[in-house]
Amino acid sequence: MFHEALKEMAITIKVFGMLRSILGEASLVLDPPPATVHQLLNELSVRYGERVREELLDEGGNLDYAYGIFVAGEKLNNLSAKIEDGVEVVIASIIAGGDHSY
């Protein structure tokens, strides 16, 4: 019971695409969890280097169109969105494009 309570005070982050190569791992746990998506990205940049920020953010400091961040299964575009304790966060490159003329 006590172990479950501790687990809920952390978040699990799963990463895909180029970010997985940058971090060198497919998932990680942050405890204590950051309060917002922006704080999460800052924490990842501190731990893994500025390349994380360069990969995920555009020149204006917004989430790059090539990535999606999903918190508890919901896609978020707002970097100030709150992250609740115990949730799963997925950061994935969004695959788009190609020839649709066939």
Protein backbone atom coordinates (compact mmCIF):
# COMPACT_ATOMS: atom_id res chain seq x y z
CA MET A 1 0.00 0.00 0.00
CA PHE A 2 2.77 2.44 0.94
CA HIS A 3 4.69 1.53 -2.24
CA GLU A 4 1.62 2.32 -4.39
CA ALA A 5 1.29 5.75 -2.77
CA LEU A 6 4.91 6.52 -3.58
CA LYS A 7 4.46 5.40 -7.18
CA GLU A 8 1.57 7.84 -7.64
CA MET A 9 3.86 10.75 -6.74
CA ALA A 10 5.99 10.12 -9.84
CA ILE A 11 5.27 10.18 -13.55
CA THR A 12 6.38 7.75 -16.22
CA ILE A 13 7.58 9.20 -19.51
CA LYS A 14 7.75 7.14 -22.69
CA VAL A 15 9.62 8.58 -25.65
CA PHE A 16 9.68 7.69 -29.33
CA GLY A 17 11.43 8.83 -32.48
CA MET A 18 14.60 10.90 -32.46
CA LEU A 19 14.05 11.87 -28.83
CA ARG A 20 14.58 8.24 -27.82
CA SER A 21 18.01 8.37 -29.48
CA ILE A 22 18.86 11.63 -27.73
CA LEU A 23 17.84 10.34 -24.29
CA GLY A 24 19.32 6.90 -24.84
CA GLU A 25 16.31 5.22 -23.25
CA ALA A 26 12.70 4.44 -24.10
CA SER A 27 11.16 5.41 -20.77
CA LEU A 28 12.02 7.06 -17.49
CA VAL A 29 10.39 7.99 -14.20
CA LEU A 30 10.50 11.48 -12.72
CA ASP A 31 10.01 11.80 -8.98
CA PRO A 32 8.95 14.33 -7.94
CA PRO A 33 6.97 15.02 -11.10
CA PRO A 34 7.09 18.41 -12.80
CA ALA A 35 3.91 20.47 -12.45
CA THR A 36 3.58 21.42 -16.14
CA VAL A 37 4.64 20.25 -19.59
CA HIS A 38 7.02 23.22 -19.79
CA GLN A 39 8.70 22.17 -16.53
CA LEU A 40 8.93 18.61 -17.85
CA LEU A 41 10.77 19.79 -20.97
CA ASN A 42 13.09 21.93 -18.81
CA GLU A 43 13.85 18.94 -16.58
CA LEU A 44 14.64 16.74 -19.59
CA SER A 45 16.94 19.47 -20.96
CA VAL A 46 18.78 19.70 -17.64
CA ARG A 47 19.21 15.92 -17.41
CA TYR A 48 19.98 15.13 -21.05
CA GLY A 49 21.28 18.37 -22.54
CA GLU A 50 20.09 21.29 -24.61
CA ARG A 51 19.60 19.01 -27.62
CA VAL A 52 16.28 17.92 -26.06
CA ARG A 53 14.95 21.47 -26.20
CA GLU A 54 16.29 21.94 -29.72
CA GLU A 55 14.53 18.77 -30.86
CA LEU A 56 11.16 19.46 -29.24
CA LEU A 57 10.70 23.22 -29.52
CA ASP A 58 10.51 25.50 -32.54
CA GLU A 59 12.27 28.87 -32.80
CA GLY A 60 9.40 30.58 -30.95
CA GLY A 61 9.68 28.24 -27.97
CA ASN A 62 6.51 26.33 -28.84
CA LEU A 63 6.21 22.58 -29.27
CA ASP A 64 7.52 21.69 -32.71
CA TYR A 65 4.83 20.51 -35.13
CA ALA A 66 6.73 17.24 -35.59
CA TYR A 67 6.03 16.15 -31.98
CA GLY A 68 3.01 15.33 -29.90
CA ILE A 69 2.85 15.21 -26.11
CA PHE A 70 0.17 13.02 -24.58
CA VAL A 71 -0.60 13.20 -20.87
CA ALA A 72 -2.85 10.45 -19.53
CA GLY A 73 -3.82 9.71 -23.15
CA GLU A 74 -4.81 13.29 -24.00
CA LYS A 75 -2.86 15.21 -26.66
CA LEU A 76 -1.65 18.54 -25.32
CA ASN A 77 -0.46 21.55 -27.28
CA ASN A 78 -0.22 23.97 -24.38
CA LEU A 79 3.14 23.87 -22.61
CA SER A 80 1.55 25.33 -19.48
CA ALA A 81 -0.81 22.34 -19.18
CA LYS A 82 -0.71 20.69 -15.76
CA ILE A 83 0.69 17.21 -15.18
CA GLU A 84 -0.98 15.25 -12.40
CA ASP A 85 0.91 12.87 -10.12
CA GLY A 86 0.98 9.26 -11.25
CA VAL A 87 0.16 9.80 -14.94
CA GLU A 88 1.94 8.49 -18.00
CA VAL A 89 3.39 11.03 -20.43
CA VAL A 90 4.18 10.01 -24.00
CA ILE A 91 6.36 12.18 -26.24
CA ALA A 92 6.26 10.99 -29.82
CA SER A 93 7.22 12.26 -33.23
CA ILE A 94 4.16 12.60 -35.41
CA ILE A 95 4.65 10.98 -38.78
CA ALA A 96 3.02 12.92 -41.59
CA GLY A 97 3.44 13.63 -45.24
CA GLY A 98 4.02 11.36 -48.16
CA ASP A 99 2.37 11.06 -51.54
CA HIS A 100 -1.40 10.70 -51.29
CA SER A 101 -2.02 10.88 -55.06
CA TYR A 102 -2.39 7.13 -55.60
